C-alpha atoms as a PDB file:
ATOM      1  CA  MET A   1     102.548 123.464  26.686  1.00  0.00           C
ATOM      2  CA  LYS A   2     102.688 127.222  26.180  1.00  0.00           C
ATOM      3  CA  THR A   3     105.163 128.623  23.660  1.00  0.00           C
ATOM      4  CA  ALA A   4     107.594 131.452  24.387  1.00  0.00           C
ATOM      5  CA  ILE A   5     109.927 133.344  22.089  1.00  0.00           C
ATOM      6  CA  VAL A   6     113.278 133.787  23.850  1.00  0.00           C
ATOM      7  CA  LEU A   7     115.976 136.129  22.591  1.00  0.00           C
ATOM      8  CA  VAL A   8     119.231 134.165  22.784  1.00  0.00           C
ATOM      9  CA  SER A   9     122.456 136.038  22.062  1.00  0.00           C
ATOM     10  CA  GLY A  10     124.852 133.389  23.328  1.00  0.00           C
ATOM     11  CA  GLY A  11     125.779 135.383  26.399  1.00  0.00           C
ATOM     12  CA  LEU A  12     125.430 134.604  30.072  1.00  0.00           C
ATOM     13  CA  ASP A  13     122.160 136.484  30.573  1.00  0.00           C
ATOM     14  CA  SER A  14     120.227 135.046  27.638  1.00  0.00           C
ATOM     15  CA  ALA A  15     121.341 131.497  28.469  1.00  0.00           C
ATOM     16  CA  THR A  16     119.918 132.008  31.955  1.00  0.00           C
ATOM     17  CA  VAL A  17     116.670 133.436  30.614  1.00  0.00           C
ATOM     18  CA  ALA A  18     116.201 130.464  28.277  1.00  0.00           C
ATOM     19  CA  ALA A  19     116.656 128.115  31.231  1.00  0.00           C
ATOM     20  CA  ILE A  20     114.149 130.113  33.290  1.00  0.00           C
ATOM     21  CA  ALA A  21     111.550 129.974  30.512  1.00  0.00           C
ATOM     22  CA  ARG A  22     111.980 126.228  30.207  1.00  0.00           C
ATOM     23  CA  HIS A  23     111.783 125.828  33.988  1.00  0.00           C
ATOM     24  CA  GLU A  24     108.489 127.748  33.944  1.00  0.00           C
ATOM     25  CA  GLY A  25     107.049 125.204  31.542  1.00  0.00           C
ATOM     26  CA  PHE A  26     107.333 126.990  28.229  1.00  0.00           C
ATOM     27  CA  GLU A  27     108.276 125.398  24.953  1.00  0.00           C
ATOM     28  CA  VAL A  28     111.066 127.724  23.889  1.00  0.00           C
ATOM     29  CA  ARG A  29     111.551 129.056  20.396  1.00  0.00           C
ATOM     30  CA  ALA A  30     114.963 130.716  20.397  1.00  0.00           C
ATOM     31  CA  LEU A  31     115.644 133.794  18.300  1.00  0.00           C
ATOM     32  CA  SER A  32     119.138 135.106  17.569  1.00  0.00           C
ATOM     33  CA  PHE A  33     120.492 137.820  15.302  1.00  0.00           C
ATOM     34  CA  ASN A  34     123.429 138.274  12.996  1.00  0.00           C
ATOM     35  CA  TYR A  35     123.276 142.053  12.860  1.00  0.00           C
ATOM     36  CA  GLY A  36     126.796 142.815  11.702  1.00  0.00           C
ATOM     37  CA  GLN A  37     128.133 142.782  15.247  1.00  0.00           C
ATOM     38  CA  ARG A  38     131.866 142.802  15.898  1.00  0.00           C
ATOM     39  CA  HIS A  39     131.388 139.848  18.252  1.00  0.00           C
ATOM     40  CA  VAL A  40     129.524 137.671  15.735  1.00  0.00           C
ATOM     41  CA  LEU A  41     131.236 134.691  17.385  1.00  0.00           C
ATOM     42  CA  GLU A  42     128.461 134.961  19.961  1.00  0.00           C
ATOM     43  CA  LEU A  43     126.195 133.179  17.464  1.00  0.00           C
ATOM     44  CA  GLU A  44     128.309 130.034  17.818  1.00  0.00           C
ATOM     45  CA  ALA A  45     127.754 130.305  21.562  1.00  0.00           C
ATOM     46  CA  ALA A  46     124.005 130.772  20.981  1.00  0.00           C
ATOM     47  CA  ARG A  47     123.896 127.550  18.994  1.00  0.00           C
ATOM     48  CA  ARG A  48     125.788 125.735  21.760  1.00  0.00           C
ATOM     49  CA  VAL A  49     123.402 127.038  24.416  1.00  0.00           C
ATOM     50  CA  VAL A  50     120.303 126.121  22.423  1.00  0.00           C
ATOM     51  CA  ALA A  51     121.582 122.608  21.749  1.00  0.00           C
ATOM     52  CA  ALA A  52     122.621 122.047  25.374  1.00  0.00           C
ATOM     53  CA  GLN A  53     119.186 123.078  26.642  1.00  0.00           C
ATOM     54  CA  GLY A  54     117.383 120.806  24.199  1.00  0.00           C
ATOM     55  CA  ILE A  55     115.606 123.673  22.440  1.00  0.00           C
ATOM     56  CA  ARG A  56     114.296 122.358  19.123  1.00  0.00           C
ATOM     57  CA  HIS A  57     113.482 125.626  17.364  1.00  0.00           C
ATOM     58  CA  HIS A  58     116.200 128.206  16.745  1.00  0.00           C
ATOM     59  CA  ALA A  59     115.786 130.989  14.198  1.00  0.00           C
ATOM     60  CA  VAL A  60     118.765 133.176  13.299  1.00  0.00           C
ATOM     61  CA  MET A  61     117.840 136.402  11.540  1.00  0.00           C
ATOM     62  CA  THR A  62     120.266 138.502   9.493  1.00  0.00           C
ATOM     63  CA  ILE A  63     120.111 142.298   9.650  1.00  0.00           C
ATOM     64  CA  ASP A  64     123.040 144.524   8.732  1.00  0.00           C
ATOM     65  CA  LEU A  65     123.128 147.306  11.305  1.00  0.00           C
ATOM     66  CA  ARG A  66     126.601 148.184  10.057  1.00  0.00           C
ATOM     67  CA  ALA A  67     124.747 150.184   7.412  1.00  0.00           C
ATOM     68  CA  PHE A  68     123.940 152.667  10.176  1.00  0.00           C
ATOM     69  CA  GLY A  69     126.961 152.154  12.445  1.00  0.00           C
ATOM     70  CA  GLY A  70     127.137 154.496  15.400  1.00  0.00           C
ATOM     71  CA  SER A  71     128.352 151.846  17.850  1.00  0.00           C
ATOM     72  CA  ALA A  72     131.656 150.197  18.712  1.00  0.00           C
ATOM     73  CA  LEU A  73     129.885 146.898  18.015  1.00  0.00           C
ATOM     74  CA  THR A  74     128.811 147.809  14.464  1.00  0.00           C
ATOM     75  CA  ASP A  75     131.328 150.421  13.342  1.00  0.00           C
ATOM     76  CA  ASP A  76     135.066 151.077  13.168  1.00  0.00           C
ATOM     77  CA  ILE A  77     135.143 152.388  16.720  1.00  0.00           C
ATOM     78  CA  ALA A  78     137.348 150.881  19.399  1.00  0.00           C
ATOM     79  CA  VAL A  79     135.666 148.885  22.135  1.00  0.00           C
ATOM     80  CA  PRO A  80     136.411 150.550  25.491  1.00  0.00           C
ATOM     81  CA  LYS A  81     138.741 148.486  27.667  1.00  0.00           C
ATOM     82  CA  HIS A  82     139.895 148.498  31.297  1.00  0.00           C
ATOM     83  CA  ARG A  83     137.225 150.935  32.468  1.00  0.00           C
ATOM     84  CA  ASP A  84     136.575 151.027  36.183  1.00  0.00           C
ATOM     85  CA  ALA A  85     133.130 150.790  37.780  1.00  0.00           C
ATOM     86  CA  ALA A  86     132.791 154.564  38.021  1.00  0.00           C
ATOM     87  CA  ALA A  87     133.503 155.028  34.318  1.00  0.00           C
ATOM     88  CA  MET A  88     131.090 152.263  33.354  1.00  0.00           C
ATOM     89  CA  SER A  89     128.298 153.894  35.339  1.00  0.00           C
ATOM     90  CA  GLN A  90     128.624 157.254  33.607  1.00  0.00           C
ATOM     91  CA  GLY A  91     126.372 157.921  30.627  1.00  0.00           C
ATOM     92  CA  ILE A  92     125.536 155.681  27.697  1.00  0.00           C
ATOM     93  CA  PRO A  93     128.637 153.853  26.391  1.00  0.00           C
ATOM     94  CA  ILE A  94     129.753 153.666  22.779  1.00  0.00           C
ATOM     95  CA  THR A  95     128.898 149.941  22.777  1.00  0.00           C
ATOM     96  CA  TYR A  96     125.197 150.903  22.775  1.00  0.00           C
ATOM     97  CA  VAL A  97     123.719 149.855  19.416  1.00  0.00           C
ATOM     98  CA  PRO A  98     121.016 152.345  18.392  1.00  0.00           C
ATOM     99  CA  ALA A  99     117.512 150.848  18.798  1.00  0.00           C
ATOM    100  CA  ARG A 100     118.875 147.290  18.952  1.00  0.00           C
ATOM    101  CA  ASN A 101     116.399 145.893  21.473  1.00  0.00           C
ATOM    102  CA  THR A 102     113.518 147.638  19.732  1.00  0.00           C
ATOM    103  CA  ILE A 103     114.529 145.983  16.472  1.00  0.00           C
ATOM    104  CA  PHE A 104     115.014 142.579  18.094  1.00  0.00           C
ATOM    105  CA  LEU A 105     111.703 142.744  19.926  1.00  0.00           C
ATOM    106  CA  SER A 106     109.933 143.657  16.686  1.00  0.00           C
ATOM    107  CA  PHE A 107     111.150 140.413  15.136  1.00  0.00           C
ATOM    108  CA  ALA A 108     110.181 138.547  18.302  1.00  0.00           C
ATOM    109  CA  LEU A 109     106.719 140.097  18.116  1.00  0.00           C
ATOM    110  CA  ALA A 110     106.247 138.868  14.559  1.00  0.00           C
ATOM    111  CA  TYR A 111     107.544 135.406  15.475  1.00  0.00           C
ATOM    112  CA  ALA A 112     105.213 135.304  18.482  1.00  0.00           C
ATOM    113  CA  GLU A 113     102.176 136.172  16.388  1.00  0.00           C
ATOM    114  CA  VAL A 114     102.753 133.463  13.804  1.00  0.00           C
ATOM    115  CA  SER A 115     103.627 130.962  16.566  1.00  0.00           C
ATOM    116  CA  ALA A 116     100.480 131.781  18.566  1.00  0.00           C
ATOM    117  CA  ALA A 117     102.803 132.637  21.450  1.00  0.00           C
ATOM    118  CA  GLN A 118     101.825 135.198  24.052  1.00  0.00           C
ATOM    119  CA  ASP A 119     105.164 135.386  25.832  1.00  0.00           C
ATOM    120  CA  ILE A 120     108.525 136.888  24.898  1.00  0.00           C
ATOM    121  CA  PHE A 121     111.570 136.571  27.176  1.00  0.00           C
ATOM    122  CA  ILE A 122     114.531 138.943  27.041  1.00  0.00           C
ATOM    123  CA  GLY A 123     117.649 139.048  29.224  1.00  0.00           C
ATOM    124  CA  VAL A 124     117.841 142.752  30.000  1.00  0.00           C
ATOM    125  CA  ASN A 125     118.990 143.914  33.412  1.00  0.00           C
ATOM    126  CA  ALA A 126     118.693 147.257  35.202  1.00  0.00           C
ATOM    127  CA  LEU A 127     121.360 146.711  37.874  1.00  0.00           C
ATOM    128  CA  ASP A 128     124.601 145.395  36.362  1.00  0.00           C
ATOM    129  CA  TYR A 129     123.982 146.960  32.962  1.00  0.00           C
ATOM    130  CA  SER A 130     126.100 149.440  31.071  1.00  0.00           C
ATOM    131  CA  GLY A 131     123.660 152.329  30.837  1.00  0.00           C
ATOM    132  CA  TYR A 132     121.667 151.132  27.831  1.00  0.00           C
ATOM    133  CA  PRO A 133     118.318 152.968  27.573  1.00  0.00           C
ATOM    134  CA  ASP A 134     116.571 149.917  26.097  1.00  0.00           C
ATOM    135  CA  CYS A 135     117.313 147.802  29.184  1.00  0.00           C
ATOM    136  CA  ARG A 136     115.043 149.754  31.534  1.00  0.00           C
ATOM    137  CA  PRO A 137     111.737 148.502  32.972  1.00  0.00           C
ATOM    138  CA  GLU A 138     109.844 151.575  31.743  1.00  0.00           C
ATOM    139  CA  TYR A 139     111.026 150.840  28.211  1.00  0.00           C
ATOM    140  CA  LEU A 140     109.739 147.259  28.375  1.00  0.00           C
ATOM    141  CA  ARG A 141     106.387 148.358  29.817  1.00  0.00           C
ATOM    142  CA  ALA A 142     105.964 150.844  26.991  1.00  0.00           C
ATOM    143  CA  TYR A 143     106.975 148.299  24.377  1.00  0.00           C
ATOM    144  CA  GLU A 144     104.539 145.714  25.731  1.00  0.00           C
ATOM    145  CA  ALA A 145     101.702 148.253  25.586  1.00  0.00           C
ATOM    146  CA  MET A 146     102.606 149.138  22.001  1.00  0.00           C
ATOM    147  CA  ALA A 147     102.956 145.489  20.992  1.00  0.00           C
ATOM    148  CA  ASN A 148      99.419 144.701  22.053  1.00  0.00           C
ATOM    149  CA  LEU A 149      98.169 147.430  19.706  1.00  0.00           C
ATOM    150  CA  ALA A 150     100.359 146.391  16.794  1.00  0.00           C
ATOM    151  CA  THR A 151      99.215 142.919  15.726  1.00  0.00           C
ATOM    152  CA  ARG A 152      96.098 141.457  14.187  1.00  0.00           C
ATOM    153  CA  ALA A 153      96.021 138.808  16.910  1.00  0.00           C
ATOM    154  CA  GLY A 154      96.051 141.529  19.547  1.00  0.00           C
ATOM    155  CA  VAL A 155      93.346 143.626  17.896  1.00  0.00           C
ATOM    156  CA  GLU A 156      91.123 140.565  17.420  1.00  0.00           C
ATOM    157  CA  GLY A 157      91.580 139.570  21.058  1.00  0.00           C
ATOM    158  CA  LYS A 158      93.370 136.318  20.226  1.00  0.00           C
ATOM    159  CA  GLN A 159      96.639 137.298  21.861  1.00  0.00           C
ATOM    160  CA  LYS A 160      97.683 139.235  24.958  1.00  0.00           C
ATOM    161  CA  LEU A 161     101.417 139.620  24.681  1.00  0.00           C
ATOM    162  CA  HIS A 162     103.641 139.644  27.765  1.00  0.00           C
ATOM    163  CA  ILE A 163     107.302 140.613  27.738  1.00  0.00           C
ATOM    164  CA  HIS A 164     109.226 138.863  30.505  1.00  0.00           C
ATOM    165  CA  ALA A 165     112.506 140.228  31.852  1.00  0.00           C
ATOM    166  CA  PRO A 166     113.222 137.847  34.759  1.00  0.00           C
ATOM    167  CA  LEU A 167     116.734 139.210  35.286  1.00  0.00           C
ATOM    168  CA  MET A 168     115.683 142.846  35.520  1.00  0.00           C
ATOM    169  CA  THR A 169     116.329 143.277  39.255  1.00  0.00           C
ATOM    170  CA  LEU A 170     119.123 140.726  39.713  1.00  0.00           C
ATOM    171  CA  THR A 171     122.804 141.504  40.042  1.00  0.00           C
ATOM    172  CA  LYS A 172     125.166 139.617  37.763  1.00  0.00           C
ATOM    173  CA  ALA A 173     126.028 137.407  40.733  1.00  0.00           C
ATOM    174  CA  GLY A 174     122.350 136.714  41.292  1.00  0.00           C
ATOM    175  CA  ILE A 175     121.896 135.818  37.647  1.00  0.00           C
ATOM    176  CA  ILE A 176     124.799 133.372  37.807  1.00  0.00           C
ATOM    177  CA  ARG A 177     123.479 131.767  40.987  1.00  0.00           C
ATOM    178  CA  ARG A 178     120.021 131.347  39.443  1.00  0.00           C
ATOM    179  CA  GLY A 179     121.413 129.882  36.234  1.00  0.00           C
ATOM    180  CA  THR A 180     123.647 127.519  38.170  1.00  0.00           C
ATOM    181  CA  GLU A 181     120.605 126.278  40.104  1.00  0.00           C
ATOM    182  CA  LEU A 182     118.945 125.533  36.756  1.00  0.00           C
ATOM    183  CA  GLY A 183     121.979 123.711  35.381  1.00  0.00           C
ATOM    184  CA  VAL A 184     123.173 126.329  32.885  1.00  0.00           C
ATOM    185  CA  ASP A 185     126.635 125.497  31.545  1.00  0.00           C
ATOM    186  CA  TYR A 186     128.272 128.907  31.397  1.00  0.00           C
ATOM    187  CA  SER A 187     131.353 127.513  29.682  1.00  0.00           C
ATOM    188  CA  LEU A 188     129.225 127.420  26.515  1.00  0.00           C
ATOM    189  CA  THR A 189     128.460 131.144  26.642  1.00  0.00           C
ATOM    190  CA  LEU A 190     130.328 134.173  25.316  1.00  0.00           C
ATOM    191  CA  SER A 191     129.768 137.657  26.738  1.00  0.00           C
ATOM    192  CA  CYS A 192     132.799 139.456  25.318  1.00  0.00           C
ATOM    193  CA  TYR A 193     132.407 142.469  23.005  1.00  0.00           C
ATOM    194  CA  ASP A 194     135.786 141.866  21.353  1.00  0.00           C
ATOM    195  CA  PRO A 195     136.605 138.137  21.445  1.00  0.00           C
ATOM    196  CA  ALA A 196     139.899 136.871  20.062  1.00  0.00           C
ATOM    197  CA  ALA A 197     138.499 133.419  19.241  1.00  0.00           C
ATOM    198  CA  PRO A 198     135.253 131.453  19.734  1.00  0.00           C
ATOM    199  CA  ASN A 199     136.262 130.503  23.273  1.00  0.00           C
ATOM    200  CA  LEU A 200     138.661 133.321  24.150  1.00  0.00           C
ATOM    201  CA  ALA A 201     137.270 136.514  25.692  1.00  0.00           C
ATOM    202  CA  CYS A 202     139.300 139.717  25.818  1.00  0.00           C
ATOM    203  CA  GLY A 203     138.882 140.056  29.597  1.00  0.00           C
ATOM    204  CA  ALA A 204     139.000 143.859  29.487  1.00  0.00           C
ATOM    205  CA  CYS A 205     135.777 145.148  27.905  1.00  0.00           C
ATOM    206  CA  ASP A 206     132.850 146.230  30.086  1.00  0.00           C
ATOM    207  CA  SER A 207     130.986 142.980  29.479  1.00  0.00           C
ATOM    208  CA  CYS A 208     133.965 140.814  30.439  1.00  0.00           C
ATOM    209  CA  GLN A 209     134.557 142.848  33.582  1.00  0.00           C
ATOM    210  CA  LEU A 210     130.915 142.571  34.671  1.00  0.00           C
ATOM    211  CA  ARG A 211     131.033 138.835  33.994  1.00  0.00           C
ATOM    212  CA  ARG A 212     134.214 138.365  36.043  1.00  0.00           C
ATOM    213  CA  LYS A 213     132.779 140.435  38.887  1.00  0.00           C
ATOM    214  CA  GLY A 214     129.573 138.406  38.839  1.00  0.00           C
ATOM    215  CA  PHE A 215     131.304 135.042  39.175  1.00  0.00           C
ATOM    216  CA  ALA A 216     133.572 136.364  41.916  1.00  0.00           C
ATOM    217  CA  GLU A 217     130.657 137.768  43.918  1.00  0.00           C
ATOM    218  CA  ALA A 218     128.606 134.603  43.386  1.00  0.00           C
ATOM    219  CA  GLY A 219     131.482 132.499  44.723  1.00  0.00           C
ATOM    220  CA  ILE A 220     131.304 130.293  41.644  1.00  0.00           C
ATOM    221  CA  ALA A 221     134.301 129.385  39.484  1.00  0.00           C
ATOM    222  CA  ASP A 222     134.367 131.330  36.232  1.00  0.00           C
ATOM    223  CA  PRO A 223     134.784 128.855  33.347  1.00  0.00           C
ATOM    224  CA  THR A 224     135.665 131.616  30.876  1.00  0.00           C
ATOM    225  CA  LEU A 225     139.016 131.743  29.106  1.00  0.00           C
ATOM    226  CA  TYR A 226     140.265 135.329  29.093  1.00  0.00           C
ATOM    227  CA  ARG A 227     143.059 136.754  26.981  1.00  0.00           C
ATOM    228  CA  SER A 228     144.091 139.144  29.761  1.00  0.00           C
END
């Protein structure tokens, strides 16, 4: 069985990606991060998702990106709430964490090399995403090219790394439908940027609004508990 490193945040997208990787026959090694995020409760959701999917390996790395700040998720900056679709589609929001996916993928690259894995899965999306520059297909293509130049295994021809983004061209509704087909229990996940409790989402941040919209458009009951 081939091994894949899967970035698992505890949110809806990463839970779906983990299920897709397993469905494609990979032995999944989950990788999560405690990076000083405001919504650190997502790590409890990540552990629930990993356990529910029967994933045996789950590494949780600690990095303190609060040292740099610059984001509503890692600094004393309010999380935007109640923004409409037009506002969410304008520019790069303050919830963007500088270089976050680049940092996460660097850890995944190291984990892949020592695990003799040639595949990394990440739950980025270019349709229902909030303008993050590190969620674009051109970014992932460039990172994959760099990654294959950056490791001993790659230079020696022992590893040809592939970065998989199976949700890239799906709407949030499409992601939910696909995950539902694969048996993902979305009640275990947490997408909220400003949760009030482990199982209580704010209901007003961009992520909560995209999640709500996705379930409504998919015609599937949303199991999330929202504060508002």
